Amino acid sequence: MRILLSNDDGYRAPGLVMLAEKLRSIAEVTLVAPERNRSGASNSLTLDRPLRLHEFAQDSYALDGTPADCVNLALTGMLEKRPDLVIAGINAGENLGEDVLYSGTVAAAMEGALLGYPALAISLAFQGETADYAEAAEVVCRLVAQFKMSPLPAGKLVNINVPTGARCQGHLVTRLGRRHRDAQSVRQLDPKNRPVYWIGAIGSPGFDAGPGTDFHAIANHYVSITPLQTDLTAFTQMEDMDNWLNPGTPISK
């Protein structure tokens, strides 16, 4: 079995290093990851300059681009053999709710899905603790074993968050919850007394964090497994939009 592995925390990130080691005991792994931390890069591609790739270990490469660049380059111009599965992670921190819209980890997996490969995004949910990626790596290895027995279809995208700090209670298939967007941007002054700004921290969970959500699963020490889709069309709103544009004219079926 062949796996393409990437992340958004950079090629030296401990979560990636551990996952690569574990996966290489059960599969053929090619690692292509950003040369520096690109958290929050989302699905951006580098289109205004060429990309530089260097091999830092056998079948392991660092790219001076985004997470999506890494997966796109690997799948469209680098790998001689097609992978069976694309995996991104293990991310240092959760990717729950609206996080998936900003996450470079999810974006790397999504790029694989957009190019027709089954893909997993893996994140470790921890706050104020030393990250221990061992359990998350074991979760991924079990999922890979399941994939070997029953492969996911091409283009399938799954977002997986693993709890830490307490014994894992199992796994739950979840939907995305929603955060309170309560964090404000931070204004500071540089040494020349000019204003600079930091984007605020993510909001706290709570707007929609009840049973069935990814937030609820993690809070109760379950692995959260959320199937995602790349089609953002709001199908239930299409008729309302047509009526707004053409009052009295129903949408064509």
Foldseek 3Di string as FASTA:
>chain_A
DEEEEEEQAALPDPFRVVLVVLVVVPHHYAYEYAHHHRFQVAQDWDDPDDKDWDAPDVSHIHINIALLNRLCCCQPPNDPDDGQEYEYDQAEADQFAPSCRRGSQQNNQQSQLVVFHEYERHYEHDDPDDDDNVVSSVVVVVVVVVCVVPNDGTSWYKYKYAYDDDDAPEADEAEGFHFDQPWQKDWDADPVRHIDIDHTDGGHHDPGQDPRGPNVCRVVRHIYMYTDHPDPDPVVCPQVVVCVVPPPDGDDD
